[in-house]
Amino acid sequence: MTELALSIVTINYQNVAGLRATMDSVLSQIGAKDSWEWILIDGGSTDGSLELIKGESEHIAYWCSEPDKGIYDAMNKGLQRAKGKFVWFLNSADRLHGTDAIARILGAIDAHAEADCLYSDTYFVDADYRQLGLISKLKPQRFPEKLSYESFRFGMNICHQSFVVRRSLAPQYSLKYRQASDIDWILEILKGRPKCMRIEGVLSEFQVGGSSSAHASKAMKERYAILQRHFGFLPNLFAHAWIFIRRFLFRGI
């Protein structure tokens, strides 16, 4: 049996409208359907999400609907079920950008066999999916031409939803962090100095106002702790001094 090139993992809880939007974007993709799979992990929703999943189950390689320990526990469940060479996390309410996003990733995987990570730009969108701008334009830190471990020293400058990694390099998400474990996860991957390749254009649309926005203070504290763990106390202190100064000079998301 030929190994799948890509696994897309979506988690959902009590967000049937967001799940529908994500589902529409995934199912609208053009290209080879036998080269990738879609995994859907639901946290035991009672808002109609389960009925929606069952109605489209023929398009889903694996799904479950059961209680979990939070966002990153659900992501770990999806990672454990993934069979693709590469894995891509797209949460409920977020969308793939355009109908060729998967085809572009599959093409990059074929053309660049040495690549371990693929990344691209992301549109921030509002609740009605109106575009608010690109992460490369809205974030004050420079969007990396060459992504590396040091790229995150002054904050996260790529979006988790536009980061695709070789599954063999992907660790489990730490359950120590409830709001910002995705930053720690990416840094753990980049710490191993993988070969990263930028995909031109935009891969995903990130809907502003999710869990980390709803718990902004806790998310900020977790991000600080994560960056301190990776880069050290003094470097992180100086970096955050500049981050806070920069916020007064630059208005973004």
C-alpha atoms as a PDB file:
ATOM      1  CA  MET A   1       0.000   0.000   0.000  1.00  0.00           C
ATOM      2  CA  THR A   2       1.378   3.411  -0.996  1.00  0.00           C
ATOM      3  CA  GLU A   3       2.002   5.748   1.923  1.00  0.00           C
ATOM      4  CA  LEU A   4      -0.312   8.732   2.076  1.00  0.00           C
ATOM      5  CA  ALA A   5       1.491  12.006   1.492  1.00  0.00           C
ATOM      6  CA  LEU A   6      -0.589  14.115   3.862  1.00  0.00           C
ATOM      7  CA  SER A   7      -2.910  13.934   6.871  1.00  0.00           C
ATOM      8  CA  ILE A   8      -5.112  16.920   7.714  1.00  0.00           C
ATOM      9  CA  VAL A   9      -6.330  16.956  11.312  1.00  0.00           C
ATOM     10  CA  THR A  10      -9.298  19.041  12.464  1.00  0.00           C
ATOM     11  CA  ILE A  11     -10.513  19.316  16.045  1.00  0.00           C
ATOM     12  CA  ASN A  12     -13.941  20.614  17.022  1.00  0.00           C
ATOM     13  CA  TYR A  13     -16.096  21.193  20.076  1.00  0.00           C
ATOM     14  CA  GLN A  14     -19.545  22.801  20.106  1.00  0.00           C
ATOM     15  CA  ASN A  15     -18.857  24.789  16.926  1.00  0.00           C
ATOM     16  CA  VAL A  16     -21.081  23.337  14.215  1.00  0.00           C
ATOM     17  CA  ALA A  17     -21.023  26.537  12.119  1.00  0.00           C
ATOM     18  CA  GLY A  18     -17.238  26.696  12.232  1.00  0.00           C
ATOM     19  CA  LEU A  19     -16.961  23.010  11.447  1.00  0.00           C
ATOM     20  CA  ARG A  20     -19.222  23.456   8.428  1.00  0.00           C
ATOM     21  CA  ALA A  21     -16.956  26.228   7.120  1.00  0.00           C
ATOM     22  CA  THR A  22     -13.840  24.102   7.616  1.00  0.00           C
ATOM     23  CA  MET A  23     -15.537  21.090   6.057  1.00  0.00           C
ATOM     24  CA  ASP A  24     -16.622  23.056   2.980  1.00  0.00           C
ATOM     25  CA  SER A  25     -13.058  24.265   2.428  1.00  0.00           C
ATOM     26  CA  VAL A  26     -11.594  20.761   2.773  1.00  0.00           C
ATOM     27  CA  LEU A  27     -14.161  19.028   0.586  1.00  0.00           C
ATOM     28  CA  SER A  28     -13.836  21.657  -2.152  1.00  0.00           C
ATOM     29  CA  GLN A  29     -10.174  20.831  -2.756  1.00  0.00           C
ATOM     30  CA  ILE A  30      -9.125  19.784  -6.229  1.00  0.00           C
ATOM     31  CA  GLY A  31      -6.414  17.254  -7.037  1.00  0.00           C
ATOM     32  CA  ALA A  32      -5.552  13.689  -6.101  1.00  0.00           C
ATOM     33  CA  LYS A  33      -7.969  12.553  -3.389  1.00  0.00           C
ATOM     34  CA  ASP A  34      -6.071   9.322  -2.776  1.00  0.00           C
ATOM     35  CA  SER A  35      -2.881  11.115  -1.664  1.00  0.00           C
ATOM     36  CA  TRP A  36      -4.281  12.658   1.509  1.00  0.00           C
ATOM     37  CA  GLU A  37      -6.665  11.939   4.349  1.00  0.00           C
ATOM     38  CA  TRP A  38      -8.841  13.995   6.663  1.00  0.00           C
ATOM     39  CA  ILE A  39      -9.085  13.175  10.374  1.00  0.00           C
ATOM     40  CA  LEU A  40     -11.729  14.809  12.550  1.00  0.00           C
ATOM     41  CA  ILE A  41     -11.646  14.775  16.356  1.00  0.00           C
ATOM     42  CA  ASP A  42     -14.749  16.080  18.135  1.00  0.00           C
ATOM     43  CA  GLY A  43     -14.880  16.600  21.874  1.00  0.00           C
ATOM     44  CA  GLY A  44     -18.376  15.197  22.361  1.00  0.00           C
ATOM     45  CA  SER A  45     -20.377  18.088  20.884  1.00  0.00           C
ATOM     46  CA  THR A  46     -24.141  18.277  21.356  1.00  0.00           C
ATOM     47  CA  ASP A  47     -24.805  21.230  19.021  1.00  0.00           C
ATOM     48  CA  GLY A  48     -25.328  19.305  15.772  1.00  0.00           C
ATOM     49  CA  SER A  49     -21.644  18.769  15.010  1.00  0.00           C
ATOM     50  CA  LEU A  50     -21.969  15.005  15.365  1.00  0.00           C
ATOM     51  CA  GLU A  51     -24.824  14.852  12.865  1.00  0.00           C
ATOM     52  CA  LEU A  52     -22.796  16.954  10.434  1.00  0.00           C
ATOM     53  CA  ILE A  53     -19.796  14.634  10.803  1.00  0.00           C
ATOM     54  CA  LYS A  54     -21.911  11.538  10.270  1.00  0.00           C
ATOM     55  CA  GLY A  55     -23.455  13.083   7.165  1.00  0.00           C
ATOM     56  CA  GLU A  56     -20.017  13.556   5.583  1.00  0.00           C
ATOM     57  CA  SER A  57     -18.333  10.486   7.097  1.00  0.00           C
ATOM     58  CA  GLU A  58     -17.580   8.967   3.674  1.00  0.00           C
ATOM     59  CA  HIS A  59     -15.068  11.799   3.147  1.00  0.00           C
ATOM     60  CA  ILE A  60     -13.397  11.392   6.553  1.00  0.00           C
ATOM     61  CA  ALA A  61     -10.678   8.775   7.034  1.00  0.00           C
ATOM     62  CA  TYR A  62     -11.201   8.669  10.789  1.00  0.00           C
ATOM     63  CA  TRP A  63     -13.460  10.505  13.208  1.00  0.00           C
ATOM     64  CA  CYS A  64     -14.506  10.254  16.821  1.00  0.00           C
ATOM     65  CA  SER A  65     -16.749  12.230  19.148  1.00  0.00           C
ATOM     66  CA  GLU A  66     -15.880  11.841  22.804  1.00  0.00           C
ATOM     67  CA  PRO A  67     -14.815  13.945  25.798  1.00  0.00           C
ATOM     68  CA  ASP A  68     -11.170  15.004  25.915  1.00  0.00           C
ATOM     69  CA  LYS A  69      -8.826  17.021  28.107  1.00  0.00           C
ATOM     70  CA  GLY A  70      -8.832  20.100  25.908  1.00  0.00           C
ATOM     71  CA  ILE A  71      -7.583  21.396  22.574  1.00  0.00           C
ATOM     72  CA  TYR A  72      -4.155  19.793  22.630  1.00  0.00           C
ATOM     73  CA  ASP A  73      -5.350  16.447  23.915  1.00  0.00           C
ATOM     74  CA  ALA A  74      -7.690  16.373  20.897  1.00  0.00           C
ATOM     75  CA  MET A  75      -4.790  17.282  18.595  1.00  0.00           C
ATOM     76  CA  ASN A  76      -2.736  14.456  20.066  1.00  0.00           C
ATOM     77  CA  LYS A  77      -5.561  12.034  19.323  1.00  0.00           C
ATOM     78  CA  GLY A  78      -5.541  13.184  15.706  1.00  0.00           C
ATOM     79  CA  LEU A  79      -1.769  12.928  15.465  1.00  0.00           C
ATOM     80  CA  GLN A  80      -1.876   9.370  16.787  1.00  0.00           C
ATOM     81  CA  ARG A  81      -4.358   8.400  14.059  1.00  0.00           C
ATOM     82  CA  ALA A  82      -2.546  10.147  11.201  1.00  0.00           C
ATOM     83  CA  LYS A  83      -0.970   7.957   8.519  1.00  0.00           C
ATOM     84  CA  GLY A  84       0.386  10.580   6.142  1.00  0.00           C
ATOM     85  CA  LYS A  85       4.043  11.379   5.581  1.00  0.00           C
ATOM     86  CA  PHE A  86       3.230  14.977   6.541  1.00  0.00           C
ATOM     87  CA  VAL A  87       0.644  16.315   8.975  1.00  0.00           C
ATOM     88  CA  TRP A  88      -1.330  19.564   8.829  1.00  0.00           C
ATOM     89  CA  PHE A  89      -3.573  20.895  11.636  1.00  0.00           C
ATOM     90  CA  LEU A  90      -6.622  22.926  10.610  1.00  0.00           C
ATOM     91  CA  ASN A  91      -8.936  23.681  13.500  1.00  0.00           C
ATOM     92  CA  SER A  92     -12.685  24.024  13.341  1.00  0.00           C
ATOM     93  CA  ALA A  93     -13.699  27.464  11.918  1.00  0.00           C
ATOM     94  CA  ASP A  94     -10.383  27.851  10.071  1.00  0.00           C
ATOM     95  CA  ARG A  95     -10.298  27.250   6.321  1.00  0.00           C
ATOM     96  CA  LEU A  96      -7.925  26.242   3.579  1.00  0.00           C
ATOM     97  CA  HIS A  97      -7.361  29.208   1.278  1.00  0.00           C
ATOM     98  CA  GLY A  98      -8.638  28.505  -2.217  1.00  0.00           C
ATOM     99  CA  THR A  99      -9.461  25.141  -3.742  1.00  0.00           C
ATOM    100  CA  ASP A 100      -5.856  24.247  -4.567  1.00  0.00           C
ATOM    101  CA  ALA A 101      -4.215  24.518  -1.119  1.00  0.00           C
ATOM    102  CA  ILE A 102      -3.808  20.760  -0.750  1.00  0.00           C
ATOM    103  CA  ALA A 103      -2.686  20.363  -4.359  1.00  0.00           C
ATOM    104  CA  ARG A 104       0.011  22.983  -3.764  1.00  0.00           C
ATOM    105  CA  ILE A 105       1.266  21.169  -0.664  1.00  0.00           C
ATOM    106  CA  LEU A 106       1.258  17.806  -2.433  1.00  0.00           C
ATOM    107  CA  GLY A 107       3.185  19.369  -5.316  1.00  0.00           C
ATOM    108  CA  ALA A 108       5.761  20.797  -2.918  1.00  0.00           C
ATOM    109  CA  ILE A 109       6.148  17.437  -1.164  1.00  0.00           C
ATOM    110  CA  ASP A 110       6.789  15.758  -4.523  1.00  0.00           C
ATOM    111  CA  ALA A 111       9.149  18.451  -5.790  1.00  0.00           C
ATOM    112  CA  HIS A 112      11.191  18.873  -2.606  1.00  0.00           C
ATOM    113  CA  ALA A 113      11.804  15.459  -1.126  1.00  0.00           C
ATOM    114  CA  GLU A 114      14.421  16.898   1.242  1.00  0.00           C
ATOM    115  CA  ALA A 115      11.981  19.275   2.967  1.00  0.00           C
ATOM    116  CA  ASP A 116      10.863  18.497   6.513  1.00  0.00           C
ATOM    117  CA  CYS A 117       8.565  21.491   7.051  1.00  0.00           C
ATOM    118  CA  LEU A 118       6.492  23.555   4.655  1.00  0.00           C
ATOM    119  CA  TYR A 119       5.055  26.923   5.651  1.00  0.00           C
ATOM    120  CA  SER A 120       3.242  29.829   4.080  1.00  0.00           C
ATOM    121  CA  ASP A 121       1.310  33.025   4.708  1.00  0.00           C
ATOM    122  CA  THR A 122      -2.105  33.163   6.386  1.00  0.00           C
ATOM    123  CA  TYR A 123      -5.113  35.448   6.114  1.00  0.00           C
ATOM    124  CA  PHE A 124      -6.659  36.627   9.355  1.00  0.00           C
ATOM    125  CA  VAL A 125     -10.448  36.674   8.908  1.00  0.00           C
ATOM    126  CA  ASP A 126     -13.368  37.808  11.056  1.00  0.00           C
ATOM    127  CA  ALA A 127     -16.463  35.845  12.092  1.00  0.00           C
ATOM    128  CA  ASP A 128     -17.979  36.377   8.624  1.00  0.00           C
ATOM    129  CA  TYR A 129     -14.716  35.378   6.873  1.00  0.00           C
ATOM    130  CA  ARG A 130     -13.977  38.901   5.722  1.00  0.00           C
ATOM    131  CA  GLN A 131     -10.232  39.234   5.249  1.00  0.00           C
ATOM    132  CA  LEU A 132      -8.507  41.396   7.847  1.00  0.00           C
ATOM    133  CA  GLY A 133      -5.061  41.051   6.305  1.00  0.00           C
ATOM    134  CA  LEU A 134      -2.076  38.736   6.021  1.00  0.00           C
ATOM    135  CA  ILE A 135      -0.015  37.676   9.014  1.00  0.00           C
ATOM    136  CA  SER A 136       3.048  38.860   7.091  1.00  0.00           C
ATOM    137  CA  LYS A 137       1.565  42.383   6.979  1.00  0.00           C
ATOM    138  CA  LEU A 138      -0.249  42.596  10.316  1.00  0.00           C
ATOM    139  CA  LYS A 139       2.461  41.221  12.578  1.00  0.00           C
ATOM    140  CA  PRO A 140       5.321  43.611  13.385  1.00  0.00           C
ATOM    141  CA  GLN A 141       7.937  40.854  13.381  1.00  0.00           C
ATOM    142  CA  ARG A 142       9.265  40.033   9.944  1.00  0.00           C
ATOM    143  CA  PHE A 143       7.735  37.038   8.168  1.00  0.00           C
ATOM    144  CA  PRO A 144      10.595  34.534   7.811  1.00  0.00           C
ATOM    145  CA  GLU A 145      12.061  33.902   4.395  1.00  0.00           C
ATOM    146  CA  LYS A 146      13.921  31.016   6.006  1.00  0.00           C
ATOM    147  CA  LEU A 147      12.116  29.612   9.015  1.00  0.00           C
ATOM    148  CA  SER A 148      14.360  28.532  11.881  1.00  0.00           C
ATOM    149  CA  TYR A 149      14.308  28.039  15.648  1.00  0.00           C
ATOM    150  CA  GLU A 150      15.484  31.630  16.122  1.00  0.00           C
ATOM    151  CA  SER A 151      12.579  32.980  14.053  1.00  0.00           C
ATOM    152  CA  PHE A 152      10.317  32.901  17.134  1.00  0.00           C
ATOM    153  CA  ARG A 153      12.650  34.759  19.481  1.00  0.00           C
ATOM    154  CA  PHE A 154      10.477  37.891  19.279  1.00  0.00           C
ATOM    155  CA  GLY A 155       7.135  36.100  19.032  1.00  0.00           C
ATOM    156  CA  MET A 156       5.212  33.805  16.726  1.00  0.00           C
ATOM    157  CA  ASN A 157       5.428  35.076  13.155  1.00  0.00           C
ATOM    158  CA  ILE A 158       3.842  32.209  11.251  1.00  0.00           C
ATOM    159  CA  CYS A 159       0.447  30.640  11.816  1.00  0.00           C
ATOM    160  CA  HIS A 160       0.028  27.086  13.076  1.00  0.00           C
ATOM    161  CA  GLN A 161      -2.604  26.549  10.356  1.00  0.00           C
ATOM    162  CA  SER A 162      -0.037  27.217   7.614  1.00  0.00           C
ATOM    163  CA  PHE A 163       2.678  24.963   8.996  1.00  0.00           C
ATOM    164  CA  VAL A 164       2.974  21.440   7.573  1.00  0.00           C
ATOM    165  CA  VAL A 165       5.531  19.060   9.069  1.00  0.00           C
ATOM    166  CA  ARG A 166       6.902  15.605   8.421  1.00  0.00           C
ATOM    167  CA  ARG A 167       4.924  13.354  10.781  1.00  0.00           C
ATOM    168  CA  SER A 168       8.027  11.497  11.974  1.00  0.00           C
ATOM    169  CA  LEU A 169       9.307  14.800  13.417  1.00  0.00           C
ATOM    170  CA  ALA A 170       6.043  15.815  15.091  1.00  0.00           C
ATOM    171  CA  PRO A 171       5.988  15.333  18.887  1.00  0.00           C
ATOM    172  CA  GLN A 172       2.886  15.116  21.025  1.00  0.00           C
ATOM    173  CA  TYR A 173       1.537  18.468  22.178  1.00  0.00           C
ATOM    174  CA  SER A 174       2.338  19.268  25.788  1.00  0.00           C
ATOM    175  CA  LEU A 175      -0.773  19.304  27.980  1.00  0.00           C
ATOM    176  CA  LYS A 176       1.041  21.611  30.397  1.00  0.00           C
ATOM    177  CA  TYR A 177      -0.126  24.570  28.322  1.00  0.00           C
ATOM    178  CA  ARG A 178      -3.840  25.089  27.710  1.00  0.00           C
ATOM    179  CA  GLN A 179      -3.696  28.023  25.268  1.00  0.00           C
ATOM    180  CA  ALA A 180      -0.257  28.214  23.654  1.00  0.00           C
ATOM    181  CA  SER A 181       1.048  24.661  23.317  1.00  0.00           C
ATOM    182  CA  ASP A 182       1.126  25.076  19.527  1.00  0.00           C
ATOM    183  CA  ILE A 183       4.022  27.544  19.924  1.00  0.00           C
ATOM    184  CA  ASP A 184       5.926  25.076  22.077  1.00  0.00           C
ATOM    185  CA  TRP A 185       5.147  22.298  19.571  1.00  0.00           C
ATOM    186  CA  ILE A 186       6.556  24.229  16.613  1.00  0.00           C
ATOM    187  CA  LEU A 187       9.639  25.262  18.592  1.00  0.00           C
ATOM    188  CA  GLU A 188      10.281  21.663  19.633  1.00  0.00           C
ATOM    189  CA  ILE A 189      10.229  20.733  15.943  1.00  0.00           C
ATOM    190  CA  LEU A 190      12.429  23.638  14.854  1.00  0.00           C
ATOM    191  CA  LYS A 191      14.926  22.921  17.640  1.00  0.00           C
ATOM    192  CA  GLY A 192      15.964  19.842  15.671  1.00  0.00           C
ATOM    193  CA  ARG A 193      17.044  22.082  12.740  1.00  0.00           C
ATOM    194  CA  PRO A 194      14.707  20.550  10.124  1.00  0.00           C
ATOM    195  CA  LYS A 195      14.853  21.662   6.503  1.00  0.00           C
ATOM    196  CA  CYS A 196      12.074  24.235   6.099  1.00  0.00           C
ATOM    197  CA  MET A 197      10.701  25.481   2.807  1.00  0.00           C
ATOM    198  CA  ARG A 198       8.441  28.466   2.238  1.00  0.00           C
ATOM    199  CA  ILE A 199       5.434  28.030  -0.043  1.00  0.00           C
ATOM    200  CA  GLU A 200       4.640  31.287  -1.825  1.00  0.00           C
ATOM    201  CA  GLY A 201       1.155  32.698  -1.455  1.00  0.00           C
ATOM    202  CA  VAL A 202      -1.424  31.811   1.205  1.00  0.00           C
ATOM    203  CA  LEU A 203      -2.386  28.378   2.541  1.00  0.00           C
ATOM    204  CA  SER A 204      -4.992  29.027   5.237  1.00  0.00           C
ATOM    205  CA  GLU A 205      -7.482  31.437   6.770  1.00  0.00           C
ATOM    206  CA  PHE A 206      -7.346  31.836  10.542  1.00  0.00           C
ATOM    207  CA  GLN A 207     -10.527  33.062  12.211  1.00  0.00           C
ATOM    208  CA  VAL A 208      -9.661  35.611  14.879  1.00  0.00           C
ATOM    209  CA  GLY A 209     -11.359  35.187  18.243  1.00  0.00           C
ATOM    210  CA  GLY A 210     -10.702  31.569  19.203  1.00  0.00           C
ATOM    211  CA  SER A 211      -9.750  30.087  22.550  1.00  0.00           C
ATOM    212  CA  SER A 212      -6.448  31.965  22.884  1.00  0.00           C
ATOM    213  CA  SER A 213      -8.242  35.281  22.228  1.00  0.00           C
ATOM    214  CA  ALA A 214     -10.941  34.455  24.766  1.00  0.00           C
ATOM    215  CA  HIS A 215      -8.218  33.714  27.339  1.00  0.00           C
ATOM    216  CA  ALA A 216      -5.755  36.390  26.198  1.00  0.00           C
ATOM    217  CA  SER A 217      -4.089  36.984  29.569  1.00  0.00           C
ATOM    218  CA  LYS A 218      -3.459  33.285  30.193  1.00  0.00           C
ATOM    219  CA  ALA A 219      -2.262  32.785  26.622  1.00  0.00           C
ATOM    220  CA  MET A 220       0.204  35.664  26.990  1.00  0.00           C
ATOM    221  CA  LYS A 221       1.601  34.220  30.222  1.00  0.00           C
ATOM    222  CA  GLU A 222       1.986  30.811  28.597  1.00  0.00           C
ATOM    223  CA  ARG A 223       3.734  32.286  25.559  1.00  0.00           C
ATOM    224  CA  TYR A 224       6.171  34.109  27.835  1.00  0.00           C
ATOM    225  CA  ALA A 225       6.912  30.921  29.776  1.00  0.00           C
ATOM    226  CA  ILE A 226       7.380  28.916  26.604  1.00  0.00           C
ATOM    227  CA  LEU A 227       9.778  31.419  25.041  1.00  0.00           C
ATOM    228  CA  GLN A 228      11.716  31.657  28.296  1.00  0.00           C
ATOM    229  CA  ARG A 229      12.048  27.872  28.424  1.00  0.00           C
ATOM    230  CA  HIS A 230      13.406  27.797  24.895  1.00  0.00           C
ATOM    231  CA  PHE A 231      15.572  30.931  24.810  1.00  0.00           C
ATOM    232  CA  GLY A 232      16.517  31.595  28.438  1.00  0.00           C
ATOM    233  CA  PHE A 233      15.549  34.168  31.079  1.00  0.00           C
ATOM    234  CA  LEU A 234      17.572  37.236  30.079  1.00  0.00           C
ATOM    235  CA  PRO A 235      17.224  36.876  26.282  1.00  0.00           C
ATOM    236  CA  ASN A 236      13.476  36.407  26.717  1.00  0.00           C
ATOM    237  CA  LEU A 237      13.227  39.390  29.088  1.00  0.00           C
ATOM    238  CA  PHE A 238      15.004  41.685  26.605  1.00  0.00           C
ATOM    239  CA  ALA A 239      12.968  40.288  23.715  1.00  0.00           C
ATOM    240  CA  HIS A 240       9.683  40.983  25.496  1.00  0.00           C
ATOM    241  CA  ALA A 241      10.799  44.491  26.435  1.00  0.00           C
ATOM    242  CA  TRP A 242      11.167  45.123  22.719  1.00  0.00           C
ATOM    243  CA  ILE A 243       7.854  43.361  21.995  1.00  0.00           C
ATOM    244  CA  PHE A 244       5.994  45.681  24.404  1.00  0.00           C
ATOM    245  CA  ILE A 245       7.707  48.780  22.997  1.00  0.00           C
ATOM    246  CA  ARG A 246       6.873  47.610  19.503  1.00  0.00           C
ATOM    247  CA  ARG A 247       3.181  47.284  20.359  1.00  0.00           C
ATOM    248  CA  PHE A 248       3.040  51.033  20.979  1.00  0.00           C
ATOM    249  CA  LEU A 249       4.670  51.666  17.620  1.00  0.00           C
ATOM    250  CA  PHE A 250       2.749  49.142  15.555  1.00  0.00           C
ATOM    251  CA  ARG A 251      -0.926  48.283  15.574  1.00  0.00           C
ATOM    252  CA  GLY A 252      -1.675  44.719  14.404  1.00  0.00           C
ATOM    253  CA  ILE A 253      -3.638  41.680  15.519  1.00  0.00           C
END
